[in-house]
Amino acid sequence: MIEDVAKLLRQFHAMQGEMKKIQEQIAREEVAGSSGGEMVKVTINGKFEVLDVQLDRKLLEEGNVDMLEGMIVAAMNNGVAKMQELLKEKVKELTGGLNLGELGIPGLLS
């Protein structure tokens, strides 16, 4: 029984180390989200930080602020969705196919 607990703890510590490696690798990933036929582009990293926003100059000339704001939000949401999908793929790849979302832990790549 004690051997089983010790084995489980070793496995847990090994998994913690792997998760740290995964987090570091994912933090360096970047994706581009876009909207309006790529008139608005955003770059998001694995920490879900917005690194860059690019606007087609025609949007600024038109002066439709409401439309531009909506397109920025849509591009950011597109980028977040792409990053979430990339994270799922990377974690699955780095954990040998283990789908962490199946563990039922809220917020863990669900």
PDB file of N, CA and C in Angstrom:
ATOM      1  N   MET A   1       0.819  -1.198   0.000  1.00  0.00           N
ATOM      2  CA  MET A   1       0.000   0.000   0.000  1.00  0.00           C
ATOM      3  C   MET A   1       0.862   1.261   0.000  1.00  0.00           C
ATOM      4  N   ILE A   2       1.867   1.289   0.877  1.00  0.00           N
ATOM      5  CA  ILE A   2       2.758   2.454   0.947  1.00  0.00           C
ATOM      6  C   ILE A   2       3.546   2.587  -0.353  1.00  0.00           C
ATOM      7  N   GLU A   3       3.933   1.443  -0.937  1.00  0.00           N
ATOM      8  CA  GLU A   3       4.659   1.471  -2.207  1.00  0.00           C
ATOM      9  C   GLU A   3       3.783   2.086  -3.306  1.00  0.00           C
ATOM     10  N   ASP A   4       2.492   1.761  -3.286  1.00  0.00           N
ATOM     11  CA  ASP A   4       1.566   2.310  -4.285  1.00  0.00           C
ATOM     12  C   ASP A   4       1.448   3.824  -4.151  1.00  0.00           C
ATOM     13  N   VAL A   5       1.388   4.300  -2.915  1.00  0.00           N
ATOM     14  CA  VAL A   5       1.288   5.740  -2.676  1.00  0.00           C
ATOM     15  C   VAL A   5       2.577   6.433  -3.128  1.00  0.00           C
ATOM     16  N   ALA A   6       3.709   5.833  -2.804  1.00  0.00           N
ATOM     17  CA  ALA A   6       5.004   6.406  -3.208  1.00  0.00           C
ATOM     18  C   ALA A   6       5.112   6.440  -4.738  1.00  0.00           C
ATOM     19  N   LYS A   7       4.661   5.375  -5.382  1.00  0.00           N
ATOM     20  CA  LYS A   7       4.685   5.320  -6.847  1.00  0.00           C
ATOM     21  C   LYS A   7       3.783   6.400  -7.435  1.00  0.00           C
ATOM     22  N   LEU A   8       2.612   6.545  -6.848  1.00  0.00           N
ATOM     23  CA  LEU A   8       1.675   7.561  -7.308  1.00  0.00           C
ATOM     24  C   LEU A   8       2.260   8.966  -7.153  1.00  0.00           C
ATOM     25  N   LEU A   9       2.927   9.218  -6.030  1.00  0.00           N
ATOM     26  CA  LEU A   9       3.562  10.527  -5.809  1.00  0.00           C
ATOM     27  C   LEU A   9       4.677  10.781  -6.812  1.00  0.00           C
ATOM     28  N   ARG A  10       5.472   9.756  -7.124  1.00  0.00           N
ATOM     29  CA  ARG A  10       6.541   9.923  -8.132  1.00  0.00           C
ATOM     30  C   ARG A  10       5.928  10.257  -9.490  1.00  0.00           C
ATOM     31  N   GLN A  11       4.861   9.548  -9.831  1.00  0.00           N
ATOM     32  CA  GLN A  11       4.193   9.818 -11.109  1.00  0.00           C
ATOM     33  C   GLN A  11       3.624  11.228 -11.142  1.00  0.00           C
ATOM     34  N   PHE A  12       3.062  11.665 -10.025  1.00  0.00           N
ATOM     35  CA  PHE A  12       2.500  13.012  -9.942  1.00  0.00           C
ATOM     36  C   PHE A  12       3.596  14.058 -10.119  1.00  0.00           C
ATOM     37  N   HIS A  13       4.736  13.877  -9.464  1.00  0.00           N
ATOM     38  CA  HIS A  13       5.848  14.830  -9.594  1.00  0.00           C
ATOM     39  C   HIS A  13       6.386  14.847 -11.027  1.00  0.00           C
ATOM     40  N   ALA A  14       6.457  13.691 -11.644  1.00  0.00           N
ATOM     41  CA  ALA A  14       6.912  13.625 -13.040  1.00  0.00           C
ATOM     42  C   ALA A  14       5.929  14.363 -13.940  1.00  0.00           C
ATOM     43  N   MET A  15       4.631  14.173 -13.671  1.00  0.00           N
ATOM     44  CA  MET A  15       3.619  14.848 -14.476  1.00  0.00           C
ATOM     45  C   MET A  15       3.689  16.365 -14.272  1.00  0.00           C
ATOM     46  N   GLN A  16       3.969  16.806 -13.043  1.00  0.00           N
ATOM     47  CA  GLN A  16       4.115  18.241 -12.793  1.00  0.00           C
ATOM     48  C   GLN A  16       5.256  18.819 -13.630  1.00  0.00           C
ATOM     49  N   GLY A  17       6.366  18.101 -13.700  1.00  0.00           N
ATOM     50  CA  GLY A  17       7.499  18.546 -14.505  1.00  0.00           C
ATOM     51  C   GLY A  17       7.142  18.631 -15.974  1.00  0.00           C
ATOM     52  N   GLU A  18       6.422  17.639 -16.456  1.00  0.00           N
ATOM     53  CA  GLU A  18       5.992  17.647 -17.851  1.00  0.00           C
ATOM     54  C   GLU A  18       5.042  18.813 -18.127  1.00  0.00           C
ATOM     55  N   MET A  19       4.119  19.063 -17.201  1.00  0.00           N
ATOM     56  CA  MET A  19       3.173  20.160 -17.388  1.00  0.00           C
ATOM     57  C   MET A  19       3.898  21.501 -17.422  1.00  0.00           C
ATOM     58  N   LYS A  20       4.948  21.649 -16.621  1.00  0.00           N
ATOM     59  CA  LYS A  20       5.725  22.888 -16.641  1.00  0.00           C
ATOM     60  C   LYS A  20       6.381  23.070 -18.007  1.00  0.00           C
ATOM     61  N   LYS A  21       6.923  21.985 -18.554  1.00  0.00           N
ATOM     62  CA  LYS A  21       7.535  22.048 -19.892  1.00  0.00           C
ATOM     63  C   LYS A  21       6.490  22.422 -20.937  1.00  0.00           C
ATOM     64  N   ILE A  22       5.310  21.818 -20.811  1.00  0.00           N
ATOM     65  CA  ILE A  22       4.225  22.102 -21.751  1.00  0.00           C
ATOM     66  C   ILE A  22       3.829  23.576 -21.669  1.00  0.00           C
ATOM     67  N   GLN A  23       3.682  24.097 -20.447  1.00  0.00           N
ATOM     68  CA  GLN A  23       3.304  25.505 -20.274  1.00  0.00           C
ATOM     69  C   GLN A  23       4.345  26.433 -20.894  1.00  0.00           C
ATOM     70  N   GLU A  24       5.617  26.124 -20.693  1.00  0.00           N
ATOM     71  CA  GLU A  24       6.679  26.967 -21.254  1.00  0.00           C
ATOM     72  C   GLU A  24       6.662  26.940 -22.773  1.00  0.00           C
ATOM     73  N   GLN A  25       6.449  25.755 -23.333  1.00  0.00           N
ATOM     74  CA  GLN A  25       6.419  25.641 -24.790  1.00  0.00           C
ATOM     75  C   GLN A  25       5.197  26.359 -25.365  1.00  0.00           C
ATOM     76  N   ILE A  26       4.059  26.177 -24.747  1.00  0.00           N
ATOM     77  CA  ILE A  26       2.827  26.798 -25.240  1.00  0.00           C
ATOM     78  C   ILE A  26       2.897  28.312 -25.135  1.00  0.00           C
ATOM     79  N   ALA A  27       3.536  28.830 -24.096  1.00  0.00           N
ATOM     80  CA  ALA A  27       3.640  30.280 -23.913  1.00  0.00           C
ATOM     81  C   ALA A  27       4.344  30.936 -25.094  1.00  0.00           C
ATOM     82  N   ARG A  28       5.204  30.189 -25.778  1.00  0.00           N
ATOM     83  CA  ARG A  28       5.941  30.735 -26.923  1.00  0.00           C
ATOM     84  C   ARG A  28       5.174  30.650 -28.241  1.00  0.00           C
ATOM     85  N   GLU A  29       4.074  29.934 -28.248  1.00  0.00           N
ATOM     86  CA  GLU A  29       3.277  29.790 -29.474  1.00  0.00           C
ATOM     87  C   GLU A  29       2.546  31.099 -29.785  1.00  0.00           C
ATOM     88  N   GLU A  30       2.295  31.324 -31.064  1.00  0.00           N
ATOM     89  CA  GLU A  30       1.533  32.497 -31.500  1.00  0.00           C
ATOM     90  C   GLU A  30       0.555  32.076 -32.588  1.00  0.00           C
ATOM     91  N   VAL A  31      -0.612  32.697 -32.587  1.00  0.00           N
ATOM     92  CA  VAL A  31      -1.590  32.496 -33.655  1.00  0.00           C
ATOM     93  C   VAL A  31      -2.097  33.852 -34.107  1.00  0.00           C
ATOM     94  N   ALA A  32      -2.624  33.886 -35.319  1.00  0.00           N
ATOM     95  CA  ALA A  32      -3.219  35.108 -35.852  1.00  0.00           C
ATOM     96  C   ALA A  32      -4.717  34.894 -36.007  1.00  0.00           C
ATOM     97  N   GLY A  33      -5.476  35.817 -35.471  1.00  0.00           N
ATOM     98  CA  GLY A  33      -6.921  35.812 -35.659  1.00  0.00           C
ATOM     99  C   GLY A  33      -7.269  36.941 -36.608  1.00  0.00           C
ATOM    100  N   SER A  34      -8.372  36.793 -37.308  1.00  0.00           N
ATOM    101  CA  SER A  34      -8.738  37.847 -38.261  1.00  0.00           C
ATOM    102  C   SER A  34     -10.245  37.947 -38.401  1.00  0.00           C
ATOM    103  N   SER A  35     -10.665  39.050 -39.007  1.00  0.00           N
ATOM    104  CA  SER A  35     -12.078  39.246 -39.329  1.00  0.00           C
ATOM    105  C   SER A  35     -12.166  40.190 -40.514  1.00  0.00           C
ATOM    106  N   GLY A  36     -13.353  40.276 -41.075  1.00  0.00           N
ATOM    107  CA  GLY A  36     -13.581  41.185 -42.198  1.00  0.00           C
ATOM    108  C   GLY A  36     -12.705  40.885 -43.391  1.00  0.00           C
ATOM    109  N   GLY A  37     -12.546  39.597 -43.703  1.00  0.00           N
ATOM    110  CA  GLY A  37     -11.705  39.247 -44.842  1.00  0.00           C
ATOM    111  C   GLY A  37     -10.258  39.658 -44.606  1.00  0.00           C
ATOM    112  N   GLU A  38      -9.817  39.517 -43.380  1.00  0.00           N
ATOM    113  CA  GLU A  38      -8.463  39.853 -42.943  1.00  0.00           C
ATOM    114  C   GLU A  38      -8.179  41.351 -42.958  1.00  0.00           C
ATOM    115  N   MET A  39      -9.240  42.153 -42.891  1.00  0.00           N
ATOM    116  CA  MET A  39      -9.039  43.597 -42.774  1.00  0.00           C
ATOM    117  C   MET A  39      -8.579  43.955 -41.362  1.00  0.00           C
ATOM    118  N   VAL A  40      -8.910  43.090 -40.392  1.00  0.00           N
ATOM    119  CA  VAL A  40      -8.449  43.243 -39.011  1.00  0.00           C
ATOM    120  C   VAL A  40      -7.741  41.951 -38.637  1.00  0.00           C
ATOM    121  N   LYS A  41      -6.500  42.074 -38.148  1.00  0.00           N
ATOM    122  CA  LYS A  41      -5.716  40.915 -37.735  1.00  0.00           C
ATOM    123  C   LYS A  41      -5.162  41.163 -36.338  1.00  0.00           C
ATOM    124  N   VAL A  42      -5.191  40.118 -35.525  1.00  0.00           N
ATOM    125  CA  VAL A  42      -4.582  40.195 -34.193  1.00  0.00           C
ATOM    126  C   VAL A  42      -3.659  38.986 -34.023  1.00  0.00           C
ATOM    127  N   THR A  43      -2.591  39.192 -33.275  1.00  0.00           N
ATOM    128  CA  THR A  43      -1.677  38.106 -32.944  1.00  0.00           C
ATOM    129  C   THR A  43      -1.769  37.876 -31.448  1.00  0.00           C
ATOM    130  N   ILE A  44      -1.972  36.603 -31.068  1.00  0.00           N
ATOM    131  CA  ILE A  44      -2.155  36.220 -29.673  1.00  0.00           C
ATOM    132  C   ILE A  44      -1.138  35.131 -29.344  1.00  0.00           C
ATOM    133  N   ASN A  45      -0.552  35.204 -28.142  1.00  0.00           N
ATOM    134  CA  ASN A  45       0.394  34.162 -27.743  1.00  0.00           C
ATOM    135  C   ASN A  45      -0.287  33.123 -26.854  1.00  0.00           C
ATOM    136  N   GLY A  46       0.483  32.124 -26.446  1.00  0.00           N
ATOM    137  CA  GLY A  46      -0.040  31.026 -25.644  1.00  0.00           C
ATOM    138  C   GLY A  46      -0.463  31.419 -24.248  1.00  0.00           C
ATOM    139  N   LYS A  47      -0.146  32.634 -23.838  1.00  0.00           N
ATOM    140  CA  LYS A  47      -0.622  33.151 -22.556  1.00  0.00           C
ATOM    141  C   LYS A  47      -1.906  33.948 -22.748  1.00  0.00           C
ATOM    142  N   PHE A  48      -2.417  33.936 -23.965  1.00  0.00           N
ATOM    143  CA  PHE A  48      -3.614  34.670 -24.365  1.00  0.00           C
ATOM    144  C   PHE A  48      -3.415  36.180 -24.235  1.00  0.00           C
ATOM    145  N   GLU A  49      -2.188  36.627 -24.493  1.00  0.00           N
ATOM    146  CA  GLU A  49      -1.894  38.055 -24.535  1.00  0.00           C
ATOM    147  C   GLU A  49      -1.948  38.508 -25.984  1.00  0.00           C
ATOM    148  N   VAL A  50      -2.551  39.657 -26.223  1.00  0.00           N
ATOM    149  CA  VAL A  50      -2.594  40.216 -27.571  1.00  0.00           C
ATOM    150  C   VAL A  50      -1.255  40.898 -27.820  1.00  0.00           C
ATOM    151  N   LEU A  51      -0.547  40.443 -28.840  1.00  0.00           N
ATOM    152  CA  LEU A  51       0.777  40.963 -29.148  1.00  0.00           C
ATOM    153  C   LEU A  51       0.749  42.051 -30.212  1.00  0.00           C
ATOM    154  N   ASP A  52      -0.232  41.967 -31.098  1.00  0.00           N
ATOM    155  CA  ASP A  52      -0.250  42.894 -32.225  1.00  0.00           C
ATOM    156  C   ASP A  52      -1.666  43.015 -32.776  1.00  0.00           C
ATOM    157  N   VAL A  53      -1.998  44.198 -33.247  1.00  0.00           N
ATOM    158  CA  VAL A  53      -3.268  44.446 -33.936  1.00  0.00           C
ATOM    159  C   VAL A  53      -2.932  45.187 -35.221  1.00  0.00           C
ATOM    160  N   GLN A  54      -3.441  44.685 -36.335  1.00  0.00           N
ATOM    161  CA  GLN A  54      -3.233  45.333 -37.626  1.00  0.00           C
ATOM    162  C   GLN A  54      -4.589  45.654 -38.246  1.00  0.00           C
ATOM    163  N   LEU A  55      -4.726  46.898 -38.688  1.00  0.00           N
ATOM    164  CA  LEU A  55      -5.976  47.346 -39.300  1.00  0.00           C
ATOM    165  C   LEU A  55      -5.711  47.780 -40.729  1.00  0.00           C
ATOM    166  N   ASP A  56      -6.590  47.351 -41.626  1.00  0.00           N
ATOM    167  CA  ASP A  56      -6.520  47.833 -42.993  1.00  0.00           C
ATOM    168  C   ASP A  56      -6.850  49.324 -42.969  1.00  0.00           C
ATOM    169  N   ARG A  57      -6.054  50.133 -43.602  1.00  0.00           N
ATOM    170  CA  ARG A  57      -6.210  51.598 -43.580  1.00  0.00           C
ATOM    171  C   ARG A  57      -7.569  52.046 -44.125  1.00  0.00           C
ATOM    172  N   LYS A  58      -8.172  51.247 -44.988  1.00  0.00           N
ATOM    173  CA  LYS A  58      -9.488  51.599 -45.529  1.00  0.00           C
ATOM    174  C   LYS A  58     -10.531  51.695 -44.416  1.00  0.00           C
ATOM    175  N   LEU A  59     -10.378  50.854 -43.395  1.00  0.00           N
ATOM    176  CA  LEU A  59     -11.320  50.885 -42.270  1.00  0.00           C
ATOM    177  C   LEU A  59     -11.257  52.218 -41.537  1.00  0.00           C
ATOM    178  N   LEU A  60     -10.084  52.774 -41.432  1.00  0.00           N
ATOM    179  CA  LEU A  60      -9.924  54.046 -40.732  1.00  0.00           C
ATOM    180  C   LEU A  60     -10.496  55.199 -41.551  1.00  0.00           C
ATOM    181  N   GLU A  61     -10.374  55.106 -42.867  1.00  0.00           N
ATOM    182  CA  GLU A  61     -10.892  56.154 -43.750  1.00  0.00           C
ATOM    183  C   GLU A  61     -12.420  56.182 -43.728  1.00  0.00           C
ATOM    184  N   GLU A  62     -13.033  55.016 -43.574  1.00  0.00           N
ATOM    185  CA  GLU A  62     -14.490  54.943 -43.573  1.00  0.00           C
ATOM    186  C   GLU A  62     -15.090  55.574 -42.327  1.00  0.00           C
ATOM    187  N   GLY A  63     -14.366  55.574 -41.224  1.00  0.00           N
ATOM    188  CA  GLY A  63     -14.814  56.243 -40.014  1.00  0.00           C
ATOM    189  C   GLY A  63     -15.972  55.582 -39.285  1.00  0.00           C
ATOM    190  N   ASN A  64     -16.280  54.337 -39.613  1.00  0.00           N
ATOM    191  CA  ASN A  64     -17.358  53.631 -38.934  1.00  0.00           C
ATOM    192  C   ASN A  64     -16.784  52.933 -37.692  1.00  0.00           C
ATOM    193  N   VAL A  65     -16.785  53.654 -36.585  1.00  0.00           N
ATOM    194  CA  VAL A  65     -16.170  53.172 -35.356  1.00  0.00           C
ATOM    195  C   VAL A  65     -16.869  51.913 -34.843  1.00  0.00           C
ATOM    196  N   ASP A  66     -18.189  51.873 -34.875  1.00  0.00           N
ATOM    197  CA  ASP A  66     -18.922  50.704 -34.383  1.00  0.00           C
ATOM    198  C   ASP A  66     -18.525  49.445 -35.144  1.00  0.00           C
ATOM    199  N   MET A  67     -18.446  49.557 -36.467  1.00  0.00           N
ATOM    200  CA  MET A  67     -18.068  48.409 -37.284  1.00  0.00           C
ATOM    201  C   MET A  67     -16.631  47.987 -36.964  1.00  0.00           C
ATOM    202  N   LEU A  68     -15.725  48.935 -36.839  1.00  0.00           N
ATOM    203  CA  LEU A  68     -14.327  48.641 -36.544  1.00  0.00           C
ATOM    204  C   LEU A  68     -14.197  47.951 -35.182  1.00  0.00           C
ATOM    205  N   GLU A  69     -14.898  48.456 -34.191  1.00  0.00           N
ATOM    206  CA  GLU A  69     -14.852  47.833 -32.866  1.00  0.00           C
ATOM    207  C   GLU A  69     -15.344  46.390 -32.921  1.00  0.00           C
ATOM    208  N   GLY A  70     -16.435  46.171 -33.634  1.00  0.00           N
ATOM    209  CA  GLY A  70     -16.965  44.815 -33.778  1.00  0.00           C
ATOM    210  C   GLY A  70     -15.996  43.890 -34.488  1.00  0.00           C
ATOM    211  N   MET A  71     -15.303  44.414 -35.498  1.00  0.00           N
ATOM    212  CA  MET A  71     -14.339  43.604 -36.234  1.00  0.00           C
ATOM    213  C   MET A  71     -13.128  43.264 -35.368  1.00  0.00           C
ATOM    214  N   ILE A  72     -12.714  44.184 -34.505  1.00  0.00           N
ATOM    215  CA  ILE A  72     -11.589  43.915 -33.600  1.00  0.00           C
ATOM    216  C   ILE A  72     -11.973  42.813 -32.620  1.00  0.00           C
ATOM    217  N   VAL A  73     -13.172  42.916 -32.059  1.00  0.00           N
ATOM    218  CA  VAL A  73     -13.647  41.888 -31.134  1.00  0.00           C
ATOM    219  C   VAL A  73     -13.718  40.536 -31.849  1.00  0.00           C
ATOM    220  N   ALA A  74     -14.244  40.516 -33.053  1.00  0.00           N
ATOM    221  CA  ALA A  74     -14.365  39.265 -33.807  1.00  0.00           C
ATOM    222  C   ALA A  74     -12.986  38.667 -34.104  1.00  0.00           C
ATOM    223  N   ALA A  75     -12.030  39.507 -34.463  1.00  0.00           N
ATOM    224  CA  ALA A  75     -10.675  39.021 -34.744  1.00  0.00           C
ATOM    225  C   ALA A  75     -10.025  38.455 -33.481  1.00  0.00           C
ATOM    226  N   MET A  76     -10.236  39.115 -32.359  1.00  0.00           N
ATOM    227  CA  MET A  76      -9.677  38.617 -31.105  1.00  0.00           C
ATOM    228  C   MET A  76     -10.313  37.289 -30.722  1.00  0.00           C
ATOM    229  N   ASN A  77     -11.622  37.180 -30.860  1.00  0.00           N
ATOM    230  CA  ASN A  77     -12.306  35.921 -30.551  1.00  0.00           C
ATOM    231  C   ASN A  77     -11.829  34.804 -31.472  1.00  0.00           C
ATOM    232  N   ASN A  78     -11.591  35.133 -32.732  1.00  0.00           N
ATOM    233  CA  ASN A  78     -11.075  34.166 -33.685  1.00  0.00           C
ATOM    234  C   ASN A  78      -9.682  33.691 -33.261  1.00  0.00           C
ATOM    235  N   GLY A  79      -8.847  34.619 -32.831  1.00  0.00           N
ATOM    236  CA  GLY A  79      -7.505  34.268 -32.369  1.00  0.00           C
ATOM    237  C   GLY A  79      -7.534  33.412 -31.118  1.00  0.00           C
ATOM    238  N   VAL A  80      -8.402  33.746 -30.182  1.00  0.00           N
ATOM    239  CA  VAL A  80      -8.529  32.962 -28.943  1.00  0.00           C
ATOM    240  C   VAL A  80      -8.980  31.538 -29.272  1.00  0.00           C
ATOM    241  N   ALA A  81      -9.945  31.400 -30.161  1.00  0.00           N
ATOM    242  CA  ALA A  81     -10.420  30.068 -30.546  1.00  0.00           C
ATOM    243  C   ALA A  81      -9.300  29.255 -31.197  1.00  0.00           C
ATOM    244  N   LYS A  82      -8.517  29.899 -32.044  1.00  0.00           N
ATOM    245  CA  LYS A  82      -7.393  29.208 -32.681  1.00  0.00           C
ATOM    246  C   LYS A  82      -6.358  28.789 -31.643  1.00  0.00           C
ATOM    247  N   MET A  83      -6.074  29.655 -30.676  1.00  0.00           N
ATOM    248  CA  MET A  83      -5.087  29.322 -29.647  1.00  0.00           C
ATOM    249  C   MET A  83      -5.599  28.182 -28.774  1.00  0.00           C
ATOM    250  N   GLN A  84      -6.880  28.196 -28.429  1.00  0.00           N
ATOM    251  CA  GLN A  84      -7.431  27.108 -27.627  1.00  0.00           C
ATOM    252  C   GLN A  84      -7.286  25.772 -28.355  1.00  0.00           C
ATOM    253  N   GLU A  85      -7.545  25.774 -29.634  1.00  0.00           N
ATOM    254  CA  GLU A  85      -7.418  24.548 -30.421  1.00  0.00           C
ATOM    255  C   GLU A  85      -5.957  24.110 -30.500  1.00  0.00           C
ATOM    256  N   LEU A  86      -5.049  25.059 -30.700  1.00  0.00           N
ATOM    257  CA  LEU A  86      -3.625  24.744 -30.740  1.00  0.00           C
ATOM    258  C   LEU A  86      -3.159  24.179 -29.400  1.00  0.00           C
ATOM    259  N   LEU A  87      -3.632  24.749 -28.309  1.00  0.00           N
ATOM    260  CA  LEU A  87      -3.269  24.258 -26.980  1.00  0.00           C
ATOM    261  C   LEU A  87      -3.717  22.812 -26.791  1.00  0.00           C
ATOM    262  N   LYS A  88      -4.932  22.514 -27.197  1.00  0.00           N
ATOM    263  CA  LYS A  88      -5.437  21.148 -27.077  1.00  0.00           C
ATOM    264  C   LYS A  88      -4.544  20.186 -27.862  1.00  0.00           C
ATOM    265  N   GLU A  89      -4.182  20.576 -29.087  1.00  0.00           N
ATOM    266  CA  GLU A  89      -3.340  19.724 -29.919  1.00  0.00           C
ATOM    267  C   GLU A  89      -1.959  19.531 -29.301  1.00  0.00           C
ATOM    268  N   LYS A  90      -1.354  20.618 -28.809  1.00  0.00           N
ATOM    269  CA  LYS A  90      -0.012  20.548 -28.219  1.00  0.00           C
ATOM    270  C   LYS A  90       0.004  19.683 -26.964  1.00  0.00           C
ATOM    271  N   VAL A  91      -0.974  19.883 -26.094  1.00  0.00           N
ATOM    272  CA  VAL A  91      -1.018  19.112 -24.854  1.00  0.00           C
ATOM    273  C   VAL A  91      -1.214  17.633 -25.179  1.00  0.00           C
ATOM    274  N   LYS A  92      -2.089  17.346 -26.121  1.00  0.00           N
ATOM    275  CA  LYS A  92      -2.324  15.962 -26.510  1.00  0.00           C
ATOM    276  C   LYS A  92      -1.047  15.348 -27.086  1.00  0.00           C
ATOM    277  N   GLU A  93      -0.346  16.126 -27.899  1.00  0.00           N
ATOM    278  CA  GLU A  93       0.913  15.686 -28.509  1.00  0.00           C
ATOM    279  C   GLU A  93       1.983  15.452 -27.430  1.00  0.00           C
ATOM    280  N   LEU A  94       2.105  16.389 -26.517  1.00  0.00           N
ATOM    281  CA  LEU A  94       3.155  16.323 -25.503  1.00  0.00           C
ATOM    282  C   LEU A  94       2.860  15.328 -24.387  1.00  0.00           C
ATOM    283  N   THR A  95       1.595  14.944 -24.247  1.00  0.00           N
ATOM    284  CA  THR A  95       1.248  13.966 -23.204  1.00  0.00           C
ATOM    285  C   THR A  95       1.025  12.577 -23.801  1.00  0.00           C
ATOM    286  N   GLY A  96       1.481  12.391 -25.015  1.00  0.00           N
ATOM    287  CA  GLY A  96       1.350  11.073 -25.631  1.00  0.00           C
ATOM    288  C   GLY A  96      -0.076  10.695 -25.962  1.00  0.00           C
ATOM    289  N   GLY A  97      -0.891  11.685 -26.295  1.00  0.00           N
ATOM    290  CA  GLY A  97      -2.263  11.418 -26.696  1.00  0.00           C
ATOM    291  C   GLY A  97      -3.281  11.528 -25.582  1.00  0.00           C
ATOM    292  N   LEU A  98      -2.824  11.794 -24.357  1.00  0.00           N
ATOM    293  CA  LEU A  98      -3.747  11.948 -23.240  1.00  0.00           C
ATOM    294  C   LEU A  98      -4.542  13.226 -23.422  1.00  0.00           C
ATOM    295  N   ASN A  99      -5.849  13.107 -23.403  1.00  0.00           N
ATOM    296  CA  ASN A  99      -6.718  14.268 -23.527  1.00  0.00           C
ATOM    297  C   ASN A  99      -7.057  14.747 -22.127  1.00  0.00           C
ATOM    298  N   LEU A 100      -6.403  15.830 -21.674  1.00  0.00           N
ATOM    299  CA  LEU A 100      -6.600  16.315 -20.317  1.00  0.00           C
ATOM    300  C   LEU A 100      -8.024  16.805 -20.076  1.00  0.00           C
ATOM    301  N   GLY A 101      -8.711  17.179 -21.128  1.00  0.00           N
ATOM    302  CA  GLY A 101     -10.101  17.610 -20.970  1.00  0.00           C
ATOM    303  C   GLY A 101     -10.998  16.468 -20.509  1.00  0.00           C
ATOM    304  N   GLU A 102     -10.597  15.249 -20.767  1.00  0.00           N
ATOM    305  CA  GLU A 102     -11.387  14.079 -20.364  1.00  0.00           C
ATOM    306  C   GLU A 102     -11.249  13.779 -18.874  1.00  0.00           C
ATOM    307  N   LEU A 103     -10.313  14.428 -18.199  1.00  0.00           N
ATOM    308  CA  LEU A 103     -10.124  14.185 -16.776  1.00  0.00           C
ATOM    309  C   LEU A 103     -11.242  14.802 -15.944  1.00  0.00           C
ATOM    310  N   GLY A 104     -12.025  15.696 -16.553  1.00  0.00           N
ATOM    311  CA  GLY A 104     -13.144  16.293 -15.852  1.00  0.00           C
ATOM    312  C   GLY A 104     -12.755  17.388 -14.868  1.00  0.00           C
ATOM    313  N   ILE A 105     -11.565  17.948 -15.021  1.00  0.00           N
ATOM    314  CA  ILE A 105     -11.132  19.032 -14.153  1.00  0.00           C
ATOM    315  C   ILE A 105     -11.557  20.339 -14.800  1.00  0.00           C
ATOM    316  N   PRO A 106     -12.439  21.099 -14.135  1.00  0.00           N
ATOM    317  CA  PRO A 106     -12.954  22.337 -14.741  1.00  0.00           C
ATOM    318  C   PRO A 106     -11.823  23.282 -15.147  1.00  0.00           C
ATOM    319  N   GLY A 107     -11.922  23.803 -16.362  1.00  0.00           N
ATOM    320  CA  GLY A 107     -10.949  24.765 -16.850  1.00  0.00           C
ATOM    321  C   GLY A 107      -9.693  24.161 -17.417  1.00  0.00           C
ATOM    322  N   LEU A 108      -9.534  22.847 -17.332  1.00  0.00           N
ATOM    323  CA  LEU A 108      -8.327  22.203 -17.841  1.00  0.00           C
ATOM    324  C   LEU A 108      -8.572  21.727 -19.259  1.00  0.00           C
ATOM    325  N   LEU A 109      -8.418  22.634 -20.194  1.00  0.00           N
ATOM    326  CA  LEU A 109      -8.570  22.355 -21.610  1.00  0.00           C
ATOM    327  C   LEU A 109      -9.880  21.658 -21.929  1.00  0.00           C
ATOM    328  N   SER A 110     -10.932  22.134 -21.312  1.00  0.00           N
ATOM    329  CA  SER A 110     -12.243  21.524 -21.557  1.00  0.00           C
ATOM    330  C   SER A 110     -12.884  22.123 -22.778  1.00  0.00           C
TER     331      SER A 110
END
